[in-house]
Amino acid sequence: MPIVSVNLQPIHLQNELVQLTPLSIADFEKLYAVASDPLIWEQHPNPDRYQRPVFSNYFTGAIESRGAFLIRDLISGAVIGSSRFYDHEPEHRQIKIGYTFFARSCWGKPFNSNVKQLMLAHAFIFVERVVFHVGASNIRSQKAMEKLGAVKTGEEEVAYFGEPSRWNFVYEIRRPADAFC
């Protein structure tokens, strides 16, 4: 099968709940206003990401990835988080989705599943498998992966952009056989 050239940041992805637009440098302050809540990061492998210099590194990695999105609540227009595509491996027809976080006001609501469904639908146009790294101590995200139907396939150390390596669980979702491609 030929390798497909892909746009990891389409103009926007949207459904009735959320809108994802390509992250830009101008989005830093809006996104940091959400990310500056320490409780968002307490189970995360890098729990100090609420600190401005640490978040600045995260944001730089997001911009450099050329696959990051700003997430808005479609109804209110409020910025509620971010997620990204990264490590596209066209030869293996695989990509990763991660670096996702949401404002606490979104927890327990269908925001994460809506975002992931939009991203998965876009990814499955050009890959067969999507991989997720989830911190070994991040129970909240592990449960979210299971709700999405992701399967845990392993464990490994992961060095996030400019951050130390941390132990992560590896989950994956494969393109459904009946998906249009």
C-alpha atoms as a PDB file:
ATOM      1  CA  MET A   1       0.000   0.000   0.000  1.00  0.00           C
ATOM      2  CA  PRO A   2       1.434   3.436  -0.916  1.00  0.00           C
ATOM      3  CA  ILE A   3       2.432   5.944   1.735  1.00  0.00           C
ATOM      4  CA  VAL A   4      -0.129   8.734   1.881  1.00  0.00           C
ATOM      5  CA  SER A   5       0.849  12.375   2.397  1.00  0.00           C
ATOM      6  CA  VAL A   6      -1.246  13.738   5.246  1.00  0.00           C
ATOM      7  CA  ASN A   7      -2.265  17.003   6.811  1.00  0.00           C
ATOM      8  CA  LEU A   8      -2.057  16.474  10.570  1.00  0.00           C
ATOM      9  CA  GLN A   9      -3.713  19.843  11.169  1.00  0.00           C
ATOM     10  CA  PRO A  10      -6.737  20.210   8.941  1.00  0.00           C
ATOM     11  CA  ILE A  11      -8.355  23.646   9.107  1.00  0.00           C
ATOM     12  CA  HIS A  12     -10.619  22.356  11.851  1.00  0.00           C
ATOM     13  CA  LEU A  13     -12.366  19.286  13.146  1.00  0.00           C
ATOM     14  CA  GLN A  14     -15.786  19.846  14.639  1.00  0.00           C
ATOM     15  CA  ASN A  15     -18.911  18.120  15.873  1.00  0.00           C
ATOM     16  CA  GLU A  16     -21.892  19.331  17.902  1.00  0.00           C
ATOM     17  CA  LEU A  17     -19.826  19.618  21.116  1.00  0.00           C
ATOM     18  CA  VAL A  18     -16.236  20.615  20.280  1.00  0.00           C
ATOM     19  CA  GLN A  19     -14.135  22.424  17.725  1.00  0.00           C
ATOM     20  CA  LEU A  20     -10.460  21.655  17.163  1.00  0.00           C
ATOM     21  CA  THR A  21      -8.375  24.256  15.355  1.00  0.00           C
ATOM     22  CA  PRO A  22      -4.636  24.164  14.627  1.00  0.00           C
ATOM     23  CA  LEU A  23      -2.731  25.479  17.627  1.00  0.00           C
ATOM     24  CA  SER A  24      -0.879  28.730  16.986  1.00  0.00           C
ATOM     25  CA  ILE A  25       1.649  30.754  18.937  1.00  0.00           C
ATOM     26  CA  ALA A  26      -1.081  33.344  19.592  1.00  0.00           C
ATOM     27  CA  ASP A  27      -2.989  30.714  21.627  1.00  0.00           C
ATOM     28  CA  PHE A  28      -0.405  30.488  24.438  1.00  0.00           C
ATOM     29  CA  GLU A  29      -2.079  32.714  27.035  1.00  0.00           C
ATOM     30  CA  LYS A  30      -5.583  31.280  26.454  1.00  0.00           C
ATOM     31  CA  LEU A  31      -4.313  27.730  26.755  1.00  0.00           C
ATOM     32  CA  TYR A  32      -2.080  28.474  29.728  1.00  0.00           C
ATOM     33  CA  ALA A  33      -5.079  29.975  31.540  1.00  0.00           C
ATOM     34  CA  VAL A  34      -6.589  26.459  31.407  1.00  0.00           C
ATOM     35  CA  ALA A  35      -3.330  24.557  32.004  1.00  0.00           C
ATOM     36  CA  SER A  36      -2.288  26.584  35.057  1.00  0.00           C
ATOM     37  CA  ASP A  37      -4.596  24.500  37.286  1.00  0.00           C
ATOM     38  CA  PRO A  38      -2.311  22.099  39.231  1.00  0.00           C
ATOM     39  CA  LEU A  39      -5.110  19.549  39.690  1.00  0.00           C
ATOM     40  CA  ILE A  40      -5.208  18.909  35.932  1.00  0.00           C
ATOM     41  CA  TRP A  41      -1.695  17.486  36.125  1.00  0.00           C
ATOM     42  CA  GLU A  42      -1.698  15.683  39.492  1.00  0.00           C
ATOM     43  CA  GLN A  43      -1.905  12.166  37.943  1.00  0.00           C
ATOM     44  CA  HIS A  44       0.143  13.073  34.898  1.00  0.00           C
ATOM     45  CA  PRO A  45       3.703  11.746  34.490  1.00  0.00           C
ATOM     46  CA  ASN A  46       4.877  15.396  34.520  1.00  0.00           C
ATOM     47  CA  PRO A  47       2.796  16.882  37.345  1.00  0.00           C
ATOM     48  CA  ASP A  48       4.526  20.256  37.310  1.00  0.00           C
ATOM     49  CA  ARG A  49       3.210  21.200  33.857  1.00  0.00           C
ATOM     50  CA  TYR A  50       0.947  23.821  35.458  1.00  0.00           C
ATOM     51  CA  GLN A  51       4.071  25.923  36.085  1.00  0.00           C
ATOM     52  CA  ARG A  52       4.574  28.505  33.360  1.00  0.00           C
ATOM     53  CA  PRO A  53       8.154  27.532  32.315  1.00  0.00           C
ATOM     54  CA  VAL A  54       7.246  23.830  32.179  1.00  0.00           C
ATOM     55  CA  PHE A  55       4.047  24.555  30.272  1.00  0.00           C
ATOM     56  CA  SER A  56       6.011  26.807  27.915  1.00  0.00           C
ATOM     57  CA  ASN A  57       8.167  23.785  26.995  1.00  0.00           C
ATOM     58  CA  TYR A  58       5.000  21.689  26.464  1.00  0.00           C
ATOM     59  CA  PHE A  59       3.579  24.445  24.243  1.00  0.00           C
ATOM     60  CA  THR A  60       6.794  24.711  22.210  1.00  0.00           C
ATOM     61  CA  GLY A  61       6.629  20.963  21.588  1.00  0.00           C
ATOM     62  CA  ALA A  62       2.997  21.311  20.537  1.00  0.00           C
ATOM     63  CA  ILE A  63       3.799  24.039  18.007  1.00  0.00           C
ATOM     64  CA  GLU A  64       6.823  22.152  16.667  1.00  0.00           C
ATOM     65  CA  SER A  65       4.784  18.954  16.291  1.00  0.00           C
ATOM     66  CA  ARG A  66       2.672  20.600  13.565  1.00  0.00           C
ATOM     67  CA  GLY A  67      -0.139  18.328  14.711  1.00  0.00           C
ATOM     68  CA  ALA A  68      -1.516  20.120  17.787  1.00  0.00           C
ATOM     69  CA  PHE A  69      -5.007  21.489  18.288  1.00  0.00           C
ATOM     70  CA  LEU A  70      -6.664  24.068  20.487  1.00  0.00           C
ATOM     71  CA  ILE A  71      -9.942  22.608  21.759  1.00  0.00           C
ATOM     72  CA  ARG A  72     -12.993  24.818  22.247  1.00  0.00           C
ATOM     73  CA  ASP A  73     -16.399  24.093  23.678  1.00  0.00           C
ATOM     74  CA  LEU A  74     -18.503  24.688  20.568  1.00  0.00           C
ATOM     75  CA  ILE A  75     -21.481  26.049  22.539  1.00  0.00           C
ATOM     76  CA  SER A  76     -19.671  28.582  24.739  1.00  0.00           C
ATOM     77  CA  GLY A  77     -16.585  29.160  22.578  1.00  0.00           C
ATOM     78  CA  ALA A  78     -14.387  28.701  25.667  1.00  0.00           C
ATOM     79  CA  VAL A  79     -10.921  27.201  25.310  1.00  0.00           C
ATOM     80  CA  ILE A  80     -11.051  23.903  27.206  1.00  0.00           C
ATOM     81  CA  GLY A  81      -7.798  22.119  26.339  1.00  0.00           C
ATOM     82  CA  SER A  82      -5.467  20.703  23.736  1.00  0.00           C
ATOM     83  CA  SER A  83      -4.490  17.457  22.022  1.00  0.00           C
ATOM     84  CA  ARG A  84      -2.193  16.498  19.189  1.00  0.00           C
ATOM     85  CA  PHE A  85      -1.136  14.021  16.566  1.00  0.00           C
ATOM     86  CA  TYR A  86       2.540  13.084  16.734  1.00  0.00           C
ATOM     87  CA  ASP A  87       5.095  10.492  15.622  1.00  0.00           C
ATOM     88  CA  HIS A  88       3.405   9.679  12.328  1.00  0.00           C
ATOM     89  CA  GLU A  89       5.010   6.528  10.898  1.00  0.00           C
ATOM     90  CA  PRO A  90       3.643   6.259   7.353  1.00  0.00           C
ATOM     91  CA  GLU A  91       5.627   3.094   6.623  1.00  0.00           C
ATOM     92  CA  HIS A  92       3.823   1.370   9.527  1.00  0.00           C
ATOM     93  CA  ARG A  93       0.500   3.169   8.864  1.00  0.00           C
ATOM     94  CA  GLN A  94       0.544   4.374  12.471  1.00  0.00           C
ATOM     95  CA  ILE A  95       0.271   7.648  14.369  1.00  0.00           C
ATOM     96  CA  LYS A  96       0.056   8.660  18.005  1.00  0.00           C
ATOM     97  CA  ILE A  97      -2.526  10.867  19.661  1.00  0.00           C
ATOM     98  CA  GLY A  98      -1.727  12.394  22.999  1.00  0.00           C
ATOM     99  CA  TYR A  99      -0.520  15.304  25.092  1.00  0.00           C
ATOM    100  CA  THR A 100      -4.230  15.804  25.761  1.00  0.00           C
ATOM    101  CA  PHE A 101      -5.592  17.800  28.656  1.00  0.00           C
ATOM    102  CA  PHE A 102      -8.912  19.389  29.529  1.00  0.00           C
ATOM    103  CA  ALA A 103     -10.146  21.990  31.984  1.00  0.00           C
ATOM    104  CA  ARG A 104     -11.534  20.286  35.091  1.00  0.00           C
ATOM    105  CA  SER A 105     -14.977  21.647  34.212  1.00  0.00           C
ATOM    106  CA  CYS A 106     -14.926  19.135  31.315  1.00  0.00           C
ATOM    107  CA  TRP A 107     -14.090  16.079  33.400  1.00  0.00           C
ATOM    108  CA  GLY A 108     -16.792  13.424  33.565  1.00  0.00           C
ATOM    109  CA  LYS A 109     -18.462  14.900  30.480  1.00  0.00           C
ATOM    110  CA  PRO A 110     -18.255  13.706  26.862  1.00  0.00           C
ATOM    111  CA  PHE A 111     -15.589  16.210  25.757  1.00  0.00           C
ATOM    112  CA  ASN A 112     -12.665  13.767  25.668  1.00  0.00           C
ATOM    113  CA  SER A 113     -14.571  11.081  23.779  1.00  0.00           C
ATOM    114  CA  ASN A 114     -15.829  13.645  21.255  1.00  0.00           C
ATOM    115  CA  VAL A 115     -12.331  15.001  20.656  1.00  0.00           C
ATOM    116  CA  LYS A 116     -10.831  11.541  20.315  1.00  0.00           C
ATOM    117  CA  GLN A 117     -13.582  10.408  17.930  1.00  0.00           C
ATOM    118  CA  LEU A 118     -12.901  13.402  15.675  1.00  0.00           C
ATOM    119  CA  MET A 119      -9.169  12.770  15.752  1.00  0.00           C
ATOM    120  CA  LEU A 120      -9.555   9.028  15.209  1.00  0.00           C
ATOM    121  CA  ALA A 121     -11.873   9.565  12.229  1.00  0.00           C
ATOM    122  CA  HIS A 122      -9.306  11.915  10.680  1.00  0.00           C
ATOM    123  CA  ALA A 123      -6.376   9.588  11.443  1.00  0.00           C
ATOM    124  CA  PHE A 124      -8.091   6.521  10.011  1.00  0.00           C
ATOM    125  CA  ILE A 125      -8.155   8.207   6.620  1.00  0.00           C
ATOM    126  CA  PHE A 126      -4.389   7.590   6.406  1.00  0.00           C
ATOM    127  CA  VAL A 127      -3.377   5.060   9.095  1.00  0.00           C
ATOM    128  CA  GLU A 128      -4.509   1.678  10.333  1.00  0.00           C
ATOM    129  CA  ARG A 129      -3.441   2.048  13.946  1.00  0.00           C
ATOM    130  CA  VAL A 130      -3.483   4.847  16.510  1.00  0.00           C
ATOM    131  CA  VAL A 131      -1.278   4.558  19.587  1.00  0.00           C
ATOM    132  CA  PHE A 132      -1.673   6.376  22.899  1.00  0.00           C
ATOM    133  CA  HIS A 133       0.870   6.732  25.728  1.00  0.00           C
ATOM    134  CA  VAL A 134      -0.769   7.063  29.149  1.00  0.00           C
ATOM    135  CA  GLY A 135       1.143   7.675  32.358  1.00  0.00           C
ATOM    136  CA  ALA A 136       1.338   4.548  34.524  1.00  0.00           C
ATOM    137  CA  SER A 137      -0.125   6.478  37.469  1.00  0.00           C
ATOM    138  CA  ASN A 138      -2.787   8.305  35.441  1.00  0.00           C
ATOM    139  CA  ILE A 139      -5.819   6.210  36.348  1.00  0.00           C
ATOM    140  CA  ARG A 140      -8.249   8.819  35.002  1.00  0.00           C
ATOM    141  CA  SER A 141      -6.713   8.666  31.498  1.00  0.00           C
ATOM    142  CA  GLN A 142      -6.410   4.881  31.580  1.00  0.00           C
ATOM    143  CA  LYS A 143     -10.142   4.615  32.253  1.00  0.00           C
ATOM    144  CA  ALA A 144     -10.829   7.106  29.456  1.00  0.00           C
ATOM    145  CA  MET A 145      -8.805   4.943  27.042  1.00  0.00           C
ATOM    146  CA  GLU A 146     -10.793   1.860  28.015  1.00  0.00           C
ATOM    147  CA  LYS A 147     -14.078   3.733  27.477  1.00  0.00           C
ATOM    148  CA  LEU A 148     -12.892   4.588  23.963  1.00  0.00           C
ATOM    149  CA  GLY A 149     -12.277   0.906  23.268  1.00  0.00           C
ATOM    150  CA  ALA A 150      -8.485   1.173  23.308  1.00  0.00           C
ATOM    151  CA  VAL A 151      -6.548  -1.977  24.168  1.00  0.00           C
ATOM    152  CA  LYS A 152      -3.479  -1.922  26.408  1.00  0.00           C
ATOM    153  CA  THR A 153      -0.649  -3.463  24.387  1.00  0.00           C
ATOM    154  CA  GLY A 154       2.423  -2.756  26.492  1.00  0.00           C
ATOM    155  CA  GLU A 155       4.417  -0.568  28.812  1.00  0.00           C
ATOM    156  CA  GLU A 156       7.443   1.598  28.066  1.00  0.00           C
ATOM    157  CA  GLU A 157       9.441   4.599  29.135  1.00  0.00           C
ATOM    158  CA  VAL A 158       8.528   7.707  27.188  1.00  0.00           C
ATOM    159  CA  ALA A 159      10.488  10.944  27.022  1.00  0.00           C
ATOM    160  CA  TYR A 160       8.010  13.710  26.309  1.00  0.00           C
ATOM    161  CA  PHE A 161       9.311  16.753  24.442  1.00  0.00           C
ATOM    162  CA  GLY A 162      12.117  18.257  26.542  1.00  0.00           C
ATOM    163  CA  GLU A 163      11.019  16.366  29.666  1.00  0.00           C
ATOM    164  CA  PRO A 164      12.486  13.383  31.513  1.00  0.00           C
ATOM    165  CA  SER A 165      11.446   9.825  30.645  1.00  0.00           C
ATOM    166  CA  ARG A 166       8.452   8.428  32.522  1.00  0.00           C
ATOM    167  CA  TRP A 167       6.826   5.012  32.655  1.00  0.00           C
ATOM    168  CA  ASN A 168       3.736   4.816  30.416  1.00  0.00           C
ATOM    169  CA  PHE A 169       1.155   2.276  29.375  1.00  0.00           C
ATOM    170  CA  VAL A 170       0.696   1.845  25.634  1.00  0.00           C
ATOM    171  CA  TYR A 171      -2.839   1.613  24.246  1.00  0.00           C
ATOM    172  CA  GLU A 172      -3.985   1.259  20.675  1.00  0.00           C
ATOM    173  CA  ILE A 173      -7.068   1.472  18.544  1.00  0.00           C
ATOM    174  CA  ARG A 174      -7.120  -0.133  15.118  1.00  0.00           C
ATOM    175  CA  ARG A 175      -9.100   1.170  12.172  1.00  0.00           C
ATOM    176  CA  PRO A 176     -12.414  -0.680  11.951  1.00  0.00           C
ATOM    177  CA  ALA A 177     -12.627  -3.045   8.997  1.00  0.00           C
ATOM    178  CA  ASP A 178     -15.669  -1.167   7.686  1.00  0.00           C
ATOM    179  CA  ALA A 179     -14.043   2.300   7.925  1.00  0.00           C
ATOM    180  CA  PHE A 180     -13.878   4.329   4.733  1.00  0.00           C
ATOM    181  CA  CYS A 181     -10.285   4.933   3.622  1.00  0.00           C
END
